[in-house]
Amino acid sequence: MSQRALSNRSQRNLERIRHSTLRLAAVDGWSAIMFHIVANEAGLSVRPIRERFRDRAALGADLWSSELAEVFSHAVTEMIKAVDHCDAEHLSLVASTFTRPDQKMLAVSELLVVASFVEPIRIAVQKTASDHGWISLEIDVHQRTRRAYTLAIMLGSLFLVRTVNQPAPTLNLYFEQLIQAFSETIEVDELPQNSANHLDLPAQFGTQDEAWEKLLHSAMMLFGTVGFDAATVNEIAFQSGRTEGFLFNHYSTKRELFNDVAFRSATTGFPLNEAFQTKLQETYPPGIVEAVTIREFMKPGRERNRTFYLEQLRLSWHDPVLSLQTEAETRKAISEINRSTELTEATKFIQQALGIGVLVLAMIAPETWLIPFHIVSQPLLD
C-alpha cells in the first residue's frame, strides 16, 4: 500500500475515532470514553487509538480541540456580540443553542464537568477561553461583568435543561430586562466581606455515626478531586481510616455510595446555603446579596465542593436513579427561590441556572470570582 493510501486510511480512522468519541460523550458520558468502547463504536481495533492517544484524557482533550472548541466558541462569541450591542432579540436566539443542545453541545456540557478533574481537558478548555479573551482583565470592568454574568446564565441553562429533563421556559422577556439593566451604570464599590464559612467546613451527613460520617466525607472529597470514575473504593476506605469491608457493609456499589453522599450533602447543605443568604438579606438589597453569594461560591479553595456538585449533575444525566434524585432536588430548589415573592417561571429558571453556571465559570476562567457582579445584579434586582 502506498504512503498516500496509508495516510488516507489513517485520517479516515481518526475521523471515525473522533465521531465515535463525540457520540459516546454526548449520550453515554465520560465513563464510556474507554479505548475498547470507542474502538467497538468506531468498528476498529484498539491499536489505532493507542497509537494516537496516550490515555483517555488525551482522547478527551483531542475531542474538545478538534470537535467542540469551535462550536462552543461560536456560541459564546455570538452571545458576547448580543451583550455588547445590547441586542435582546439576538441574545434570545443565541440562548437556544444552550437550552436546546444538539449532540455537540451535549458533549460540551459533559467535558466541561470532566475538565474539573482531568487536567489535559481543563487545559484545553481554559485555552479556548483565554485565546478568545472573552472576559479578559483588559476589557472595561462593566463590559467584562456583563459578559461573565450572561455567560454564567448560558452555561447554567445548558446544565439545567439536561438535569430537569424538560425545555426551558420562554426567556425573551427576561433577556429584555437583562439588556435594560446593562444600560445602567453602577459604581464599582467594594462588596461586603461576609464569608460563607460553612463551605470551608467538612460536610455533615446526619448519620449520627462518627466512622460513617468520616467515610462519607472522604468519599465526597475524593469524588470532588478526581471524579467518580477515578475514585476507588479502596482509596475512599483508606482515606477514611476504615476497611473496604466497612464500606461494603453500608453500600453494595460505589454508585450507591455516591448517590447517598449526594442526597445527604444536599439535605444538610441547602439549609446552610439558605441561612447564609437569609442573613445577607437582613442587611443588604437583593442585588448585593446575589453578588456576594456568587463571589463566595466561586472563591478559590472551594473547587472540590463545586466539582462534586457538577459531577452529581453529570452522573444524573446517565443514571436513572440519580437522575430522579437530582431532578427532585433541583425542582425543589427552583420552587424555593424567593418564596416570599411571586416570580415568573423564567426568572426562577434563570436564578437556578445562574447558580449552576457560576460553578462552571469558576473552572473555565478562575479569575472571574473577583468580578463585581453587582454591576449587573443591582439594576436587575433592586
Protein backbone atom coordinates (compact mmCIF):
# COMPACT_ATOMS: atom_id res chain seq x y z
CA MET A 1 0.00 0.00 0.00
CA SER A 2 1.36 3.42 -0.95
CA GLN A 3 2.29 6.05 1.62
CA ARG A 4 -0.58 8.23 0.42
CA ALA A 5 -3.08 5.41 0.80
CA LEU A 6 -1.78 4.70 4.31
CA SER A 7 -2.11 8.37 5.16
CA ASN A 8 -5.67 8.50 3.86
CA ARG A 9 -6.65 5.41 5.85
CA SER A 10 -5.07 6.85 8.96
CA GLN A 11 -7.06 10.05 8.52
CA ARG A 12 -10.29 8.12 7.98
CA ASN A 13 -9.61 6.12 11.13
CA LEU A 14 -9.02 9.32 13.08
CA GLU A 15 -12.32 10.74 11.85
CA ARG A 16 -14.12 7.56 12.90
CA ILE A 17 -12.47 7.69 16.32
CA ARG A 18 -13.47 11.32 16.83
CA HIS A 19 -17.03 10.76 15.61
CA SER A 20 -17.46 7.78 17.92
CA THR A 21 -15.94 9.60 20.88
CA LEU A 22 -18.29 12.52 20.26
CA ARG A 23 -21.38 10.31 20.22
CA LEU A 24 -20.31 8.43 23.34
CA ALA A 25 -19.55 11.64 25.23
CA ALA A 26 -22.94 13.12 24.33
CA VAL A 27 -25.06 10.06 25.02
CA ASP A 28 -23.25 7.72 27.41
CA GLY A 29 -20.85 10.12 29.10
CA TRP A 30 -17.25 10.12 30.24
CA SER A 31 -17.48 6.58 31.65
CA ALA A 32 -17.86 5.31 28.08
CA ILE A 33 -14.75 7.09 26.78
CA MET A 34 -12.58 4.00 27.09
CA PHE A 35 -10.34 2.78 24.29
CA HIS A 36 -12.11 -0.56 23.83
CA ILE A 37 -15.58 1.04 23.84
CA VAL A 38 -14.55 3.75 21.36
CA ALA A 39 -12.90 1.12 19.16
CA ASN A 40 -16.04 -1.01 19.14
CA GLU A 41 -18.21 2.02 18.36
CA ALA A 42 -15.87 3.02 15.51
CA GLY A 43 -15.59 -0.51 14.10
CA LEU A 44 -11.82 -0.52 14.64
CA SER A 45 -9.31 -2.40 16.71
CA VAL A 46 -7.86 -0.68 19.76
CA ARG A 47 -4.47 -0.36 18.07
CA PRO A 48 -5.06 2.85 16.02
CA ILE A 49 -6.40 4.55 19.14
CA ARG A 50 -3.42 3.51 21.26
CA GLU A 51 -1.06 4.67 18.54
CA ARG A 52 -2.51 8.18 18.62
CA PHE A 53 -3.53 8.76 22.23
CA ARG A 54 -1.63 8.15 25.44
CA ASP A 55 -4.78 7.69 27.52
CA ARG A 56 -8.46 8.61 27.68
CA ALA A 57 -7.58 12.08 28.99
CA ALA A 58 -5.65 12.76 25.78
CA LEU A 59 -8.57 11.41 23.75
CA GLY A 60 -10.96 13.72 25.59
CA ALA A 61 -8.69 16.72 25.10
CA ASP A 62 -8.48 15.93 21.38
CA LEU A 63 -12.28 15.73 21.19
CA TRP A 64 -12.54 19.19 22.73
CA SER A 65 -9.90 20.74 20.46
CA SER A 66 -11.00 19.08 17.22
CA GLU A 67 -14.80 18.91 17.52
CA LEU A 68 -16.11 21.04 20.37
CA ALA A 69 -13.98 24.16 20.84
CA GLU A 70 -15.20 25.75 17.61
CA VAL A 71 -18.87 25.09 18.40
CA PHE A 72 -18.56 26.37 21.96
CA SER A 73 -16.52 29.39 20.85
CA HIS A 74 -19.05 30.32 18.20
CA ALA A 75 -21.93 30.17 20.69
CA VAL A 76 -20.10 32.27 23.28
CA THR A 77 -18.86 34.78 20.68
CA GLU A 78 -22.40 35.29 19.39
CA MET A 79 -23.60 35.73 22.96
CA ILE A 80 -20.94 38.38 23.56
CA LYS A 81 -21.97 40.23 20.38
CA ALA A 82 -25.52 40.35 21.68
CA VAL A 83 -24.39 41.55 25.11
CA ASP A 84 -22.02 44.20 23.77
CA HIS A 85 -24.63 45.54 21.34
CA CYS A 86 -27.47 45.27 23.89
CA ASP A 87 -29.47 43.14 21.47
CA ALA A 88 -32.08 41.19 23.45
CA GLU A 89 -33.54 39.53 20.36
CA HIS A 90 -30.18 38.12 19.29
CA LEU A 91 -29.42 37.07 22.85
CA SER A 92 -32.67 35.06 22.95
CA LEU A 93 -31.70 33.41 19.68
CA VAL A 94 -28.23 32.52 20.97
CA ALA A 95 -29.71 31.12 24.18
CA SER A 96 -31.45 28.39 22.19
CA THR A 97 -28.04 26.88 21.43
CA PHE A 98 -27.69 26.26 25.17
CA THR A 99 -31.31 25.50 26.08
CA ARG A 100 -31.90 23.15 23.11
CA PRO A 101 -28.49 21.49 22.85
CA ASP A 102 -27.53 19.37 19.85
CA GLN A 103 -25.13 16.43 20.06
CA LYS A 104 -22.03 18.61 20.16
CA MET A 105 -23.38 20.88 22.88
CA LEU A 106 -24.33 17.81 24.93
CA ALA A 107 -20.72 16.67 24.61
CA VAL A 108 -19.59 20.19 25.57
CA SER A 109 -21.56 20.00 28.81
CA GLU A 110 -20.06 16.58 29.57
CA LEU A 111 -16.46 17.71 29.07
CA LEU A 112 -16.97 20.99 30.95
CA VAL A 113 -17.58 18.90 34.06
CA VAL A 114 -14.83 16.39 33.32
CA ALA A 115 -12.41 19.29 32.85
CA SER A 116 -12.75 19.99 36.57
CA PHE A 117 -10.78 16.84 37.39
CA VAL A 118 -8.97 15.82 34.19
CA GLU A 119 -6.08 18.22 33.62
CA PRO A 120 -5.48 17.82 29.85
CA ILE A 121 -9.15 18.61 29.20
CA ARG A 122 -9.10 21.52 31.65
CA ILE A 123 -6.04 22.95 29.87
CA ALA A 124 -7.80 22.64 26.50
CA VAL A 125 -10.99 24.31 27.78
CA GLN A 126 -9.16 27.14 29.54
CA LYS A 127 -7.02 27.70 26.44
CA THR A 128 -10.19 28.16 24.38
CA ALA A 129 -11.39 30.85 26.79
CA SER A 130 -8.04 32.61 27.10
CA ASP A 131 -7.36 32.58 23.34
CA HIS A 132 -10.62 34.43 22.69
CA GLY A 133 -10.23 36.81 25.65
CA TRP A 134 -13.97 36.83 26.31
CA ILE A 135 -13.55 38.02 29.90
CA SER A 136 -10.05 39.44 29.75
CA LEU A 137 -8.91 41.77 32.52
CA GLU A 138 -8.01 44.26 29.79
CA ILE A 139 -11.70 44.75 28.99
CA ASP A 140 -13.68 47.53 30.69
CA VAL A 141 -14.97 46.23 34.03
CA HIS A 142 -18.62 46.93 33.19
CA GLN A 143 -18.38 45.14 29.87
CA ARG A 144 -16.47 42.24 31.44
CA THR A 145 -19.08 41.85 34.18
CA ARG A 146 -21.99 41.84 31.73
CA ARG A 147 -20.27 39.19 29.64
CA ALA A 148 -19.42 37.00 32.64
CA TYR A 149 -22.91 37.26 34.15
CA THR A 150 -24.58 36.33 30.87
CA LEU A 151 -22.13 33.51 30.17
CA ALA A 152 -22.88 32.03 33.60
CA ILE A 153 -26.60 32.08 32.73
CA MET A 154 -25.96 30.34 29.41
CA LEU A 155 -23.73 27.67 30.93
CA GLY A 156 -26.17 27.04 33.74
CA SER A 157 -29.08 26.83 31.30
CA LEU A 158 -27.25 24.13 29.33
CA PHE A 159 -26.77 22.09 32.50
CA LEU A 160 -30.23 22.77 33.90
CA VAL A 161 -32.25 21.63 30.88
CA ARG A 162 -30.33 18.34 30.95
CA THR A 163 -30.95 17.92 34.67
CA VAL A 164 -34.68 18.64 34.86
CA ASN A 165 -35.42 16.81 31.61
CA GLN A 166 -37.70 19.45 30.17
CA PRO A 167 -37.38 22.50 27.92
CA ALA A 168 -36.54 25.90 29.33
CA PRO A 169 -39.41 28.36 29.72
CA THR A 170 -39.65 31.27 27.28
CA LEU A 171 -36.83 33.65 28.23
CA ASN A 172 -37.36 36.55 25.79
CA LEU A 173 -38.84 38.92 28.39
CA TYR A 174 -36.09 38.12 30.88
CA PHE A 175 -33.40 38.96 28.32
CA GLU A 176 -35.11 42.27 27.60
CA GLN A 177 -34.93 43.06 31.32
CA LEU A 178 -31.29 41.96 31.42
CA ILE A 179 -30.35 44.20 28.50
CA GLN A 180 -32.21 47.07 30.17
CA ALA A 181 -30.13 46.51 33.31
CA PHE A 182 -26.97 46.75 31.19
CA SER A 183 -27.87 50.34 30.31
CA GLU A 184 -27.48 51.47 33.91
CA THR A 185 -24.04 52.37 35.22
CA ILE A 186 -23.28 51.19 38.74
CA GLU A 187 -20.25 52.32 40.73
CA VAL A 188 -17.70 49.58 41.30
CA ASP A 189 -17.82 49.70 45.09
CA GLU A 190 -16.29 47.01 47.28
CA LEU A 191 -18.76 44.28 48.18
CA PRO A 192 -19.46 43.33 51.82
CA GLN A 193 -16.93 40.87 53.16
CA ASN A 194 -19.46 38.38 54.56
CA SER A 195 -17.97 34.92 54.06
CA ALA A 196 -19.81 31.64 53.53
CA ASN A 197 -17.59 29.87 56.03
CA HIS A 198 -19.79 26.79 56.04
CA LEU A 199 -18.40 25.98 52.59
CA ASP A 200 -14.96 25.51 54.14
CA LEU A 201 -16.13 23.11 56.85
CA PRO A 202 -16.48 19.33 56.48
CA ALA A 203 -19.95 18.46 55.23
CA GLN A 204 -22.35 16.94 57.73
CA PHE A 205 -24.29 13.90 56.56
CA GLY A 206 -26.63 13.27 59.50
CA THR A 207 -25.68 9.64 60.17
CA GLN A 208 -25.02 10.15 63.90
CA ASP A 209 -22.07 7.77 63.46
CA GLU A 210 -18.54 9.21 63.52
CA ALA A 211 -16.95 6.46 61.42
CA TRP A 212 -19.73 6.61 58.84
CA GLU A 213 -19.50 10.39 58.68
CA LYS A 214 -15.77 10.15 58.05
CA LEU A 215 -16.34 7.61 55.29
CA LEU A 216 -18.85 9.87 53.56
CA HIS A 217 -16.59 12.91 53.96
CA SER A 218 -13.64 11.03 52.44
CA ALA A 219 -15.84 9.86 49.57
CA MET A 220 -17.10 13.38 48.86
CA MET A 221 -13.57 14.81 48.91
CA LEU A 222 -12.21 12.14 46.58
CA PHE A 223 -15.16 12.33 44.17
CA GLY A 224 -14.70 16.11 44.15
CA THR A 225 -10.99 15.81 43.39
CA VAL A 226 -10.66 13.05 40.79
CA GLY A 227 -14.27 12.45 39.72
CA PHE A 228 -16.47 9.40 40.08
CA ASP A 229 -14.65 7.13 37.63
CA ALA A 230 -11.16 7.61 39.06
CA ALA A 231 -12.21 7.38 42.72
CA THR A 232 -11.78 3.82 44.01
CA VAL A 233 -13.50 2.23 46.99
CA ASN A 234 -10.07 1.16 48.20
CA GLU A 235 -8.81 4.76 48.31
CA ILE A 236 -12.04 6.05 49.86
CA ALA A 237 -11.81 3.45 52.62
CA PHE A 238 -8.10 4.18 53.13
CA GLN A 239 -8.61 7.93 53.43
CA SER A 240 -11.40 7.42 55.95
CA GLY A 241 -9.25 5.11 58.06
CA ARG A 242 -11.64 2.22 57.50
CA THR A 243 -11.63 -1.01 55.54
CA GLU A 244 -13.40 -1.83 52.30
CA GLY A 245 -15.45 -4.26 54.36
CA PHE A 246 -16.76 -1.36 56.45
CA LEU A 247 -17.70 0.49 53.27
CA PHE A 248 -19.49 -2.50 51.78
CA ASN A 249 -21.40 -3.06 55.00
CA HIS A 250 -23.17 0.20 54.16
CA TYR A 251 -23.13 0.22 50.34
CA SER A 252 -23.21 -2.54 47.74
CA THR A 253 -21.60 -0.42 44.99
CA LYS A 254 -19.56 2.74 44.51
CA ARG A 255 -22.53 4.27 42.66
CA GLU A 256 -24.79 3.61 45.65
CA LEU A 257 -22.21 5.33 47.87
CA PHE A 258 -22.05 8.34 45.54
CA ASN A 259 -25.82 8.64 45.41
CA ASP A 260 -26.05 8.61 49.21
CA VAL A 261 -23.32 11.22 49.57
CA ALA A 262 -25.16 13.40 47.04
CA PHE A 263 -28.51 13.03 48.80
CA ARG A 264 -27.19 13.59 52.32
CA SER A 265 -24.93 16.52 51.40
CA ALA A 266 -27.84 18.23 49.65
CA THR A 267 -30.17 17.60 52.58
CA THR A 268 -27.79 19.24 55.05
CA GLY A 269 -26.11 21.72 52.70
CA PHE A 270 -29.08 23.52 51.14
CA PRO A 271 -30.36 24.82 54.51
CA LEU A 272 -26.88 26.21 55.31
CA ASN A 273 -26.75 27.99 51.95
CA GLU A 274 -30.22 29.38 52.53
CA ALA A 275 -29.29 30.55 56.04
CA PHE A 276 -26.27 32.40 54.64
CA GLN A 277 -28.43 34.19 52.09
CA THR A 278 -31.12 34.96 54.67
CA LYS A 279 -28.51 36.59 56.89
CA LEU A 280 -27.35 38.75 54.00
CA GLN A 281 -30.94 39.72 53.17
CA GLU A 282 -31.35 41.16 56.65
CA THR A 283 -28.80 43.85 55.79
CA TYR A 284 -28.40 44.19 52.05
CA PRO A 285 -30.65 44.60 48.98
CA PRO A 286 -31.17 41.66 46.58
CA GLY A 287 -28.54 42.76 44.05
CA ILE A 288 -25.80 42.82 46.68
CA VAL A 289 -26.98 39.52 48.16
CA GLU A 290 -26.71 37.84 44.77
CA ALA A 291 -23.28 39.32 44.02
CA VAL A 292 -21.84 38.26 47.40
CA THR A 293 -23.31 34.77 47.02
CA ILE A 294 -21.78 34.39 43.55
CA ARG A 295 -18.37 35.51 44.87
CA GLU A 296 -18.49 33.06 47.77
CA PHE A 297 -19.37 30.06 45.63
CA MET A 298 -16.68 30.93 43.08
CA LYS A 299 -13.89 31.52 45.60
CA PRO A 300 -10.60 29.66 45.13
CA GLY A 301 -10.13 26.82 47.59
CA ARG A 302 -13.70 25.58 47.20
CA GLU A 303 -13.08 23.67 43.98
CA ARG A 304 -13.88 20.24 45.44
CA ASN A 305 -17.35 21.30 46.56
CA ARG A 306 -18.04 22.77 43.12
CA THR A 307 -16.68 19.72 41.33
CA PHE A 308 -18.68 17.30 43.43
CA TYR A 309 -21.94 19.11 42.72
CA LEU A 310 -21.22 19.34 38.99
CA GLU A 311 -20.23 15.68 38.98
CA GLN A 312 -23.58 14.88 40.59
CA LEU A 313 -25.35 16.70 37.76
CA ARG A 314 -23.22 14.97 35.13
CA LEU A 315 -23.81 11.49 36.50
CA SER A 316 -27.54 12.17 36.79
CA TRP A 317 -27.64 12.64 33.01
CA HIS A 318 -26.70 8.97 32.61
CA ASP A 319 -28.02 7.28 35.81
CA PRO A 320 -31.82 6.87 36.14
CA VAL A 321 -31.73 6.60 39.96
CA LEU A 322 -29.52 9.63 40.47
CA SER A 323 -31.42 11.47 37.75
CA LEU A 324 -34.69 11.21 39.67
CA GLN A 325 -32.97 12.24 42.90
CA THR A 326 -31.15 15.20 41.36
CA GLU A 327 -34.17 16.31 39.34
CA ALA A 328 -36.28 16.34 42.52
CA GLU A 329 -33.63 18.33 44.40
CA THR A 330 -33.31 20.81 41.54
CA ARG A 331 -37.05 21.30 41.19
CA LYS A 332 -37.29 21.84 44.94
CA ALA A 333 -34.54 24.45 44.79
CA ILE A 334 -36.33 26.23 41.94
CA SER A 335 -39.63 26.23 43.82
CA GLU A 336 -38.00 27.66 46.94
CA ILE A 337 -36.23 30.53 45.18
CA ASN A 338 -37.52 33.72 46.73
CA ARG A 339 -40.62 32.06 48.15
CA SER A 340 -41.71 35.37 49.66
CA THR A 341 -42.19 36.96 46.22
CA GLU A 342 -44.04 35.94 43.09
CA LEU A 343 -41.54 35.19 40.34
CA THR A 344 -42.15 34.10 36.78
CA GLU A 345 -41.10 30.62 35.70
CA ALA A 346 -38.43 32.24 33.53
CA THR A 347 -36.92 34.15 36.47
CA LYS A 348 -36.89 31.04 38.67
CA PHE A 349 -35.20 29.11 35.88
CA ILE A 350 -32.61 31.83 35.33
CA GLN A 351 -31.75 32.15 39.01
CA GLN A 352 -31.18 28.40 39.29
CA ALA A 353 -29.21 28.39 36.04
CA LEU A 354 -27.04 31.26 37.30
CA GLY A 355 -26.28 29.32 40.47
CA ILE A 356 -25.04 26.37 38.42
CA GLY A 357 -23.34 28.47 35.76
CA VAL A 358 -21.03 30.34 38.12
CA LEU A 359 -19.64 26.98 39.29
CA VAL A 360 -18.74 26.11 35.70
CA LEU A 361 -17.42 29.61 35.01
CA ALA A 362 -15.08 29.31 38.01
CA MET A 363 -13.37 26.41 36.23
CA ILE A 364 -13.27 27.96 32.76
CA ALA A 365 -11.93 31.32 33.97
CA PRO A 366 -10.89 31.08 37.65
CA GLU A 367 -10.12 34.81 37.95
CA THR A 368 -13.78 35.72 37.38
CA TRP A 369 -14.56 35.24 41.07
CA LEU A 370 -13.19 38.77 41.55
CA ILE A 371 -15.66 40.32 39.09
CA PRO A 372 -18.04 42.84 40.75
CA PHE A 373 -21.26 41.10 39.72
CA HIS A 374 -23.38 43.74 41.48
CA ILE A 375 -22.78 45.91 38.39
CA VAL A 376 -25.47 43.75 36.79
CA SER A 377 -27.36 42.29 39.73
CA GLN A 378 -28.20 45.64 41.40
CA PRO A 379 -30.03 47.27 38.45
CA LEU A 380 -31.58 43.91 37.60
CA LEU A 381 -32.89 43.00 41.06
CA ASP A 382 -33.09 46.12 43.24
